[in-house]
Amino acid sequence: YKNIPEQFINHAKANLNKVAFQYRLRRTAPYKSITWDDSIRMVTEVAFGLKQLGLEKGDNVAILSGTRYEWAISDLAILAAGAVVVPIYPTLGDHAVNYILNNSECKFVFLEDKGQLQKIRAQWGELPHIKYAVVYADMGDLPENDSRIVTYKKLKDFGKLTFSKDPHFLENTINSLTRVDVAGILYSSGTTG
């Protein structure tokens, strides 16, 4: 394979009806399944949503979240759109998060929930590169008066609308990626002091 998104798409297409992810909303809740076919659709929606919001090839995008299937979908969508993933450990404090976002010049940040969003909102003025914060968990308590805050669902909805405008964007971008394109920037525990 030339790149990670190509490998994902090929594997997913060979296993369309098989389970790719299982998750549950609460510890006591039953597991729900997401097929490989569903995962292709979600990766496409997120990638097109990011494009709609101005993501360009080579941009850096952070993910500040605990483990969840949306993390994996976002990672693959970012890569498929030609951008670079910058994962941030969710227990890092405001100062460390600020350092990583500024040092990597991330233009977007995916956030687990309102708690992680607070780390960004508390320092918007010190994060000049961040254009949008995308929040996975929307419990109906996110600020509605800030256009920089976008729910994960709304981002996917943007992607659905954008697809018809440029249906070959994702395929063309994936085909343009090579093994030497940067996929991620990882900050170690000693990086931020």
C-alpha atoms as a PDB file:
ATOM      1  CA  TYR A   1       0.000   0.000   0.000  1.00  0.00           C
ATOM      2  CA  LYS A   2       1.133   3.550  -0.722  1.00  0.00           C
ATOM      3  CA  ASN A   3      -0.415   4.973   2.450  1.00  0.00           C
ATOM      4  CA  ILE A   4      -2.527   4.220   5.531  1.00  0.00           C
ATOM      5  CA  PRO A   5      -5.885   5.468   4.154  1.00  0.00           C
ATOM      6  CA  GLU A   6      -5.492   3.271   1.067  1.00  0.00           C
ATOM      7  CA  GLN A   7      -4.858   0.249   3.287  1.00  0.00           C
ATOM      8  CA  PHE A   8      -7.913   1.100   5.404  1.00  0.00           C
ATOM      9  CA  ILE A   9     -10.208   1.514   2.370  1.00  0.00           C
ATOM     10  CA  ASN A  10      -9.034  -1.744   0.775  1.00  0.00           C
ATOM     11  CA  HIS A  11      -9.434  -3.701   4.013  1.00  0.00           C
ATOM     12  CA  ALA A  12     -12.835  -2.161   4.687  1.00  0.00           C
ATOM     13  CA  LYS A  13     -14.101  -2.921   1.172  1.00  0.00           C
ATOM     14  CA  ALA A  14     -13.029  -6.562   1.562  1.00  0.00           C
ATOM     15  CA  ASN A  15     -14.960  -6.824   4.850  1.00  0.00           C
ATOM     16  CA  LEU A  16     -17.963  -4.527   4.360  1.00  0.00           C
ATOM     17  CA  ASN A  17     -20.488  -6.393   6.526  1.00  0.00           C
ATOM     18  CA  LYS A  18     -18.058  -7.486   9.234  1.00  0.00           C
ATOM     19  CA  VAL A  19     -17.733  -5.659  12.543  1.00  0.00           C
ATOM     20  CA  ALA A  20     -15.026  -2.990  12.603  1.00  0.00           C
ATOM     21  CA  PHE A  21     -15.799  -1.415  16.008  1.00  0.00           C
ATOM     22  CA  GLN A  22     -17.845  -2.225  19.055  1.00  0.00           C
ATOM     23  CA  TYR A  23     -18.715   0.317  21.699  1.00  0.00           C
ATOM     24  CA  ARG A  24     -21.175   0.966  24.464  1.00  0.00           C
ATOM     25  CA  LEU A  25     -22.532   4.187  25.854  1.00  0.00           C
ATOM     26  CA  ARG A  26     -22.329   3.028  29.479  1.00  0.00           C
ATOM     27  CA  ARG A  27     -20.529   0.163  31.199  1.00  0.00           C
ATOM     28  CA  THR A  28     -23.793  -1.657  31.811  1.00  0.00           C
ATOM     29  CA  ALA A  29     -25.204  -1.037  28.325  1.00  0.00           C
ATOM     30  CA  PRO A  30     -24.998  -3.690  25.610  1.00  0.00           C
ATOM     31  CA  TYR A  31     -22.378  -3.317  22.911  1.00  0.00           C
ATOM     32  CA  LYS A  32     -23.285  -1.686  19.606  1.00  0.00           C
ATOM     33  CA  SER A  33     -21.480  -2.587  16.395  1.00  0.00           C
ATOM     34  CA  ILE A  34     -20.156  -0.557  13.503  1.00  0.00           C
ATOM     35  CA  THR A  35     -19.383  -2.407  10.279  1.00  0.00           C
ATOM     36  CA  TRP A  36     -16.497  -1.699   7.958  1.00  0.00           C
ATOM     37  CA  ASP A  37     -19.030  -0.307   5.492  1.00  0.00           C
ATOM     38  CA  ASP A  38     -20.265   2.118   8.178  1.00  0.00           C
ATOM     39  CA  SER A  39     -16.683   3.088   8.974  1.00  0.00           C
ATOM     40  CA  ILE A  40     -15.959   3.978   5.313  1.00  0.00           C
ATOM     41  CA  ARG A  41     -19.050   6.188   5.277  1.00  0.00           C
ATOM     42  CA  MET A  42     -18.097   7.913   8.554  1.00  0.00           C
ATOM     43  CA  VAL A  43     -14.479   8.482   7.499  1.00  0.00           C
ATOM     44  CA  THR A  44     -15.752   9.993   4.245  1.00  0.00           C
ATOM     45  CA  GLU A  45     -18.231  12.257   6.053  1.00  0.00           C
ATOM     46  CA  VAL A  46     -15.612  13.516   8.524  1.00  0.00           C
ATOM     47  CA  ALA A  47     -12.991  14.089   5.802  1.00  0.00           C
ATOM     48  CA  PHE A  48     -15.449  16.016   3.639  1.00  0.00           C
ATOM     49  CA  GLY A  49     -16.660  17.961   6.685  1.00  0.00           C
ATOM     50  CA  LEU A  50     -13.096  19.017   7.442  1.00  0.00           C
ATOM     51  CA  LYS A  51     -12.637  20.049   3.816  1.00  0.00           C
ATOM     52  CA  GLN A  52     -15.825  22.131   4.025  1.00  0.00           C
ATOM     53  CA  LEU A  53     -14.392  23.943   7.052  1.00  0.00           C
ATOM     54  CA  GLY A  54     -11.153  24.735   5.225  1.00  0.00           C
ATOM     55  CA  LEU A  55      -8.768  21.861   5.967  1.00  0.00           C
ATOM     56  CA  GLU A  56      -5.942  21.682   3.444  1.00  0.00           C
ATOM     57  CA  LYS A  57      -3.438  18.982   2.629  1.00  0.00           C
ATOM     58  CA  GLY A  58      -0.562  19.109   5.109  1.00  0.00           C
ATOM     59  CA  ASP A  59      -2.517  20.874   7.873  1.00  0.00           C
ATOM     60  CA  ASN A  60      -2.083  19.557  11.409  1.00  0.00           C
ATOM     61  CA  VAL A  61      -5.143  18.361  13.343  1.00  0.00           C
ATOM     62  CA  ALA A  62      -5.109  17.444  17.040  1.00  0.00           C
ATOM     63  CA  ILE A  63      -7.185  14.799  18.793  1.00  0.00           C
ATOM     64  CA  LEU A  64      -7.622  15.357  22.535  1.00  0.00           C
ATOM     65  CA  SER A  65      -9.737  12.462  23.723  1.00  0.00           C
ATOM     66  CA  GLY A  66      -9.801   9.147  25.519  1.00  0.00           C
ATOM     67  CA  THR A  67     -10.259   5.935  23.576  1.00  0.00           C
ATOM     68  CA  ARG A  68     -13.457   5.814  21.522  1.00  0.00           C
ATOM     69  CA  TYR A  69     -14.378   4.707  18.013  1.00  0.00           C
ATOM     70  CA  GLU A  70     -14.769   8.338  16.878  1.00  0.00           C
ATOM     71  CA  TRP A  71     -11.060   8.808  17.642  1.00  0.00           C
ATOM     72  CA  ALA A  72     -10.148   6.106  15.119  1.00  0.00           C
ATOM     73  CA  ILE A  73     -12.632   7.432  12.536  1.00  0.00           C
ATOM     74  CA  SER A  74     -11.253  10.965  12.935  1.00  0.00           C
ATOM     75  CA  ASP A  75      -7.667   9.748  12.663  1.00  0.00           C
ATOM     76  CA  LEU A  76      -8.397   7.936   9.404  1.00  0.00           C
ATOM     77  CA  ALA A  77     -10.427  10.870   8.024  1.00  0.00           C
ATOM     78  CA  ILE A  78      -7.641  13.340   8.810  1.00  0.00           C
ATOM     79  CA  LEU A  79      -5.106  11.115   7.057  1.00  0.00           C
ATOM     80  CA  ALA A  80      -7.439  10.493   4.100  1.00  0.00           C
ATOM     81  CA  ALA A  81      -7.841  14.264   3.684  1.00  0.00           C
ATOM     82  CA  GLY A  82      -4.056  14.579   3.459  1.00  0.00           C
ATOM     83  CA  ALA A  83      -3.598  16.167   6.866  1.00  0.00           C
ATOM     84  CA  VAL A  84      -1.414  15.195   9.831  1.00  0.00           C
ATOM     85  CA  VAL A  85      -2.715  13.772  13.128  1.00  0.00           C
ATOM     86  CA  VAL A  86      -1.415  15.233  16.397  1.00  0.00           C
ATOM     87  CA  PRO A  87      -2.713  13.085  19.274  1.00  0.00           C
ATOM     88  CA  ILE A  88      -2.770  14.722  22.704  1.00  0.00           C
ATOM     89  CA  TYR A  89      -3.059  12.666  25.875  1.00  0.00           C
ATOM     90  CA  PRO A  90      -6.403  13.582  27.508  1.00  0.00           C
ATOM     91  CA  THR A  91      -5.062  14.020  31.032  1.00  0.00           C
ATOM     92  CA  LEU A  92      -2.576  16.727  30.065  1.00  0.00           C
ATOM     93  CA  GLY A  93      -3.158  20.101  31.673  1.00  0.00           C
ATOM     94  CA  ASP A  94      -3.936  23.393  29.970  1.00  0.00           C
ATOM     95  CA  HIS A  95      -0.286  24.494  29.700  1.00  0.00           C
ATOM     96  CA  ALA A  96       0.848  21.279  27.986  1.00  0.00           C
ATOM     97  CA  VAL A  97      -2.155  21.276  25.633  1.00  0.00           C
ATOM     98  CA  ASN A  98      -1.441  24.918  24.738  1.00  0.00           C
ATOM     99  CA  TYR A  99       2.207  24.124  24.039  1.00  0.00           C
ATOM    100  CA  ILE A 100       1.424  21.187  21.744  1.00  0.00           C
ATOM    101  CA  LEU A 101      -1.317  23.010  19.819  1.00  0.00           C
ATOM    102  CA  ASN A 102       0.875  26.074  19.268  1.00  0.00           C
ATOM    103  CA  ASN A 103       4.094  24.202  18.565  1.00  0.00           C
ATOM    104  CA  SER A 104       2.388  21.996  15.974  1.00  0.00           C
ATOM    105  CA  GLU A 105       0.281  24.886  14.612  1.00  0.00           C
ATOM    106  CA  CYS A 106      -2.868  22.737  14.590  1.00  0.00           C
ATOM    107  CA  LYS A 107      -5.791  24.278  12.726  1.00  0.00           C
ATOM    108  CA  PHE A 108      -8.423  21.910  14.128  1.00  0.00           C
ATOM    109  CA  VAL A 109      -8.770  20.027  17.388  1.00  0.00           C
ATOM    110  CA  PHE A 110     -11.108  17.096  18.059  1.00  0.00           C
ATOM    111  CA  LEU A 111     -12.253  16.951  21.681  1.00  0.00           C
ATOM    112  CA  GLU A 112     -13.882  14.207  23.707  1.00  0.00           C
ATOM    113  CA  ASP A 113     -16.408  16.325  25.572  1.00  0.00           C
ATOM    114  CA  LYS A 114     -17.230  19.620  27.232  1.00  0.00           C
ATOM    115  CA  GLY A 115     -14.497  19.051  29.827  1.00  0.00           C
ATOM    116  CA  GLN A 116     -11.810  18.909  27.142  1.00  0.00           C
ATOM    117  CA  LEU A 117     -13.451  21.833  25.352  1.00  0.00           C
ATOM    118  CA  GLN A 118     -12.924  23.932  28.489  1.00  0.00           C
ATOM    119  CA  LYS A 119      -9.151  23.497  28.064  1.00  0.00           C
ATOM    120  CA  ILE A 120      -9.460  25.182  24.668  1.00  0.00           C
ATOM    121  CA  ARG A 121     -12.064  27.813  25.540  1.00  0.00           C
ATOM    122  CA  ALA A 122     -10.017  28.981  28.520  1.00  0.00           C
ATOM    123  CA  GLN A 123      -7.173  29.898  26.178  1.00  0.00           C
ATOM    124  CA  TRP A 124      -8.662  30.662  22.731  1.00  0.00           C
ATOM    125  CA  GLY A 125      -6.746  33.944  22.641  1.00  0.00           C
ATOM    126  CA  GLU A 126      -3.470  32.064  23.069  1.00  0.00           C
ATOM    127  CA  LEU A 127      -4.238  29.547  20.292  1.00  0.00           C
ATOM    128  CA  PRO A 128      -4.031  31.628  17.099  1.00  0.00           C
ATOM    129  CA  HIS A 129      -3.883  28.660  14.702  1.00  0.00           C
ATOM    130  CA  ILE A 130      -6.988  26.809  15.937  1.00  0.00           C
ATOM    131  CA  LYS A 131      -9.906  27.542  13.611  1.00  0.00           C
ATOM    132  CA  TYR A 132     -12.362  24.931  14.907  1.00  0.00           C
ATOM    133  CA  ALA A 133     -12.907  22.682  17.899  1.00  0.00           C
ATOM    134  CA  VAL A 134     -14.913  19.556  17.061  1.00  0.00           C
ATOM    135  CA  VAL A 135     -16.600  17.935  20.075  1.00  0.00           C
ATOM    136  CA  TYR A 136     -17.536  14.237  20.027  1.00  0.00           C
ATOM    137  CA  ALA A 137     -19.927  14.099  22.985  1.00  0.00           C
ATOM    138  CA  ASP A 138     -22.758  16.587  22.670  1.00  0.00           C
ATOM    139  CA  MET A 139     -24.983  16.361  25.713  1.00  0.00           C
ATOM    140  CA  GLY A 140     -26.888  19.493  24.704  1.00  0.00           C
ATOM    141  CA  ASP A 141     -24.696  21.669  26.920  1.00  0.00           C
ATOM    142  CA  LEU A 142     -22.201  23.041  24.410  1.00  0.00           C
ATOM    143  CA  PRO A 143     -22.036  26.787  23.752  1.00  0.00           C
ATOM    144  CA  GLU A 144     -24.165  27.701  20.757  1.00  0.00           C
ATOM    145  CA  ASN A 145     -22.899  31.248  20.301  1.00  0.00           C
ATOM    146  CA  ASP A 146     -19.373  30.349  19.174  1.00  0.00           C
ATOM    147  CA  SER A 147     -19.056  29.333  15.514  1.00  0.00           C
ATOM    148  CA  ARG A 148     -15.616  27.846  16.190  1.00  0.00           C
ATOM    149  CA  ILE A 149     -17.230  25.025  18.178  1.00  0.00           C
ATOM    150  CA  VAL A 150     -18.681  22.272  16.005  1.00  0.00           C
ATOM    151  CA  THR A 151     -20.228  19.003  17.131  1.00  0.00           C
ATOM    152  CA  TYR A 152     -18.960  15.775  15.587  1.00  0.00           C
ATOM    153  CA  LYS A 153     -22.462  15.111  14.259  1.00  0.00           C
ATOM    154  CA  LYS A 154     -22.606  18.533  12.612  1.00  0.00           C
ATOM    155  CA  LEU A 155     -19.170  17.975  11.056  1.00  0.00           C
ATOM    156  CA  LYS A 156     -20.411  14.705   9.535  1.00  0.00           C
ATOM    157  CA  ASP A 157     -23.529  16.525   8.282  1.00  0.00           C
ATOM    158  CA  PHE A 158     -21.264  19.128   6.596  1.00  0.00           C
ATOM    159  CA  GLY A 159     -19.449  16.216   4.985  1.00  0.00           C
ATOM    160  CA  LYS A 160     -22.644  14.716   3.596  1.00  0.00           C
ATOM    161  CA  LEU A 161     -23.532  18.056   1.995  1.00  0.00           C
ATOM    162  CA  THR A 162     -20.031  18.663   0.621  1.00  0.00           C
ATOM    163  CA  PHE A 163     -19.636  15.242  -0.998  1.00  0.00           C
ATOM    164  CA  SER A 164     -21.789  16.097  -4.010  1.00  0.00           C
ATOM    165  CA  LYS A 165     -19.710  19.232  -4.723  1.00  0.00           C
ATOM    166  CA  ASP A 166     -16.470  17.283  -5.203  1.00  0.00           C
ATOM    167  CA  PRO A 167     -17.148  13.520  -5.099  1.00  0.00           C
ATOM    168  CA  HIS A 168     -13.586  12.638  -6.165  1.00  0.00           C
ATOM    169  CA  PHE A 169     -11.811  14.752  -3.506  1.00  0.00           C
ATOM    170  CA  LEU A 170     -11.111  11.872  -1.144  1.00  0.00           C
ATOM    171  CA  GLU A 171     -10.095   9.378  -3.811  1.00  0.00           C
ATOM    172  CA  ASN A 172      -7.794  11.931  -5.452  1.00  0.00           C
ATOM    173  CA  THR A 173      -6.255  12.953  -2.135  1.00  0.00           C
ATOM    174  CA  ILE A 174      -5.638   9.356  -1.044  1.00  0.00           C
ATOM    175  CA  ASN A 175      -4.087   8.570  -4.435  1.00  0.00           C
ATOM    176  CA  SER A 176      -1.748  11.558  -4.073  1.00  0.00           C
ATOM    177  CA  LEU A 177      -0.377  10.410  -0.703  1.00  0.00           C
ATOM    178  CA  THR A 178       2.888   8.491  -0.522  1.00  0.00           C
ATOM    179  CA  ARG A 179       4.794   6.532   2.101  1.00  0.00           C
ATOM    180  CA  VAL A 180       6.950   9.564   2.879  1.00  0.00           C
ATOM    181  CA  ASP A 181       4.055  11.914   3.679  1.00  0.00           C
ATOM    182  CA  VAL A 182       3.870  12.696   7.391  1.00  0.00           C
ATOM    183  CA  ALA A 183       1.001  10.848   9.112  1.00  0.00           C
ATOM    184  CA  GLY A 184       1.422  12.013  12.703  1.00  0.00           C
ATOM    185  CA  ILE A 185       3.377  14.184  15.100  1.00  0.00           C
ATOM    186  CA  LEU A 186       3.760  12.604  18.519  1.00  0.00           C
ATOM    187  CA  TYR A 187       4.802  14.574  21.572  1.00  0.00           C
ATOM    188  CA  SER A 188       6.486  12.579  24.332  1.00  0.00           C
ATOM    189  CA  SER A 189       5.930  13.175  28.029  1.00  0.00           C
ATOM    190  CA  GLY A 190       9.125  15.234  28.284  1.00  0.00           C
ATOM    191  CA  THR A 191       8.312  17.512  25.364  1.00  0.00           C
ATOM    192  CA  THR A 192       6.186  20.020  27.231  1.00  0.00           C
ATOM    193  CA  GLY A 193       8.403  20.372  30.280  1.00  0.00           C
END
